[in-house]
């Protein structure tokens, strides 16, 4: 795996300053500084993570320009009109995902926090039904994944909002009741912000994602496209 030296301490200082001065008049004269301190290293980090994904989850290798979120906020429908995000984020959806739907790998950092995530956060209605049907039929497989000792020790348990009762259309006495009542399914880990400026950042992110990989791939099973059967000559007649 490629070596990544970590971000400069000046990158965190830049994010602290941006939080205090979140306006175009402050950012525009410092845009080149943002690109050299944060954007360019972030693309390099994503390249290193892609090399790791190629080993344990090749379906999630994502071009860096698509993986890294823009710094600009979409303020059209928000009461908060500050123009810039104060966190830096990267996302790795499955290559079969449409508009980043389905379970994904994600991480972000602010000047104080470094968060690693794997799973589903805001599924649409059709996705919810697909996840619950998957758990109705294959809950024992998911339970086995979540009981992995190293996963439990490192990431804890399954997280996400839950309903108070079983959703309509699913049996109330099903053994996977607790799993199927979820509205979100994800694993999450908070890492020390001190890692951000060290060479340990890339291997620590990669190791965390690798632990999450069986869980994320399980969730994406309903959305994984099956290869089309090869066309035989006789099929043309």
Foldseek 3Di string as FASTA:
>chain_A
DDFQFFFDLVQLVVLVVCVVVLDCVVCVVCVVVCCVRPVVSQQVLLVLLQVLCVPQPVQQNDRSVVFWDDQFDDCPPPPDPRGGDSKTKGKTAGNLDDPSPAWIWMWMDHSFWTKTKTWFAAHDPVLLVVQLVLCLVPVVVLVVLQPPPVCCVQFNGWDADFDPAADPPDDRPRPCRVVSRGPITMTMGIDGPVCRNGSVVSVVNSVNVSSCVVVRVSSCVVRDDDDDDDDDPVNVD
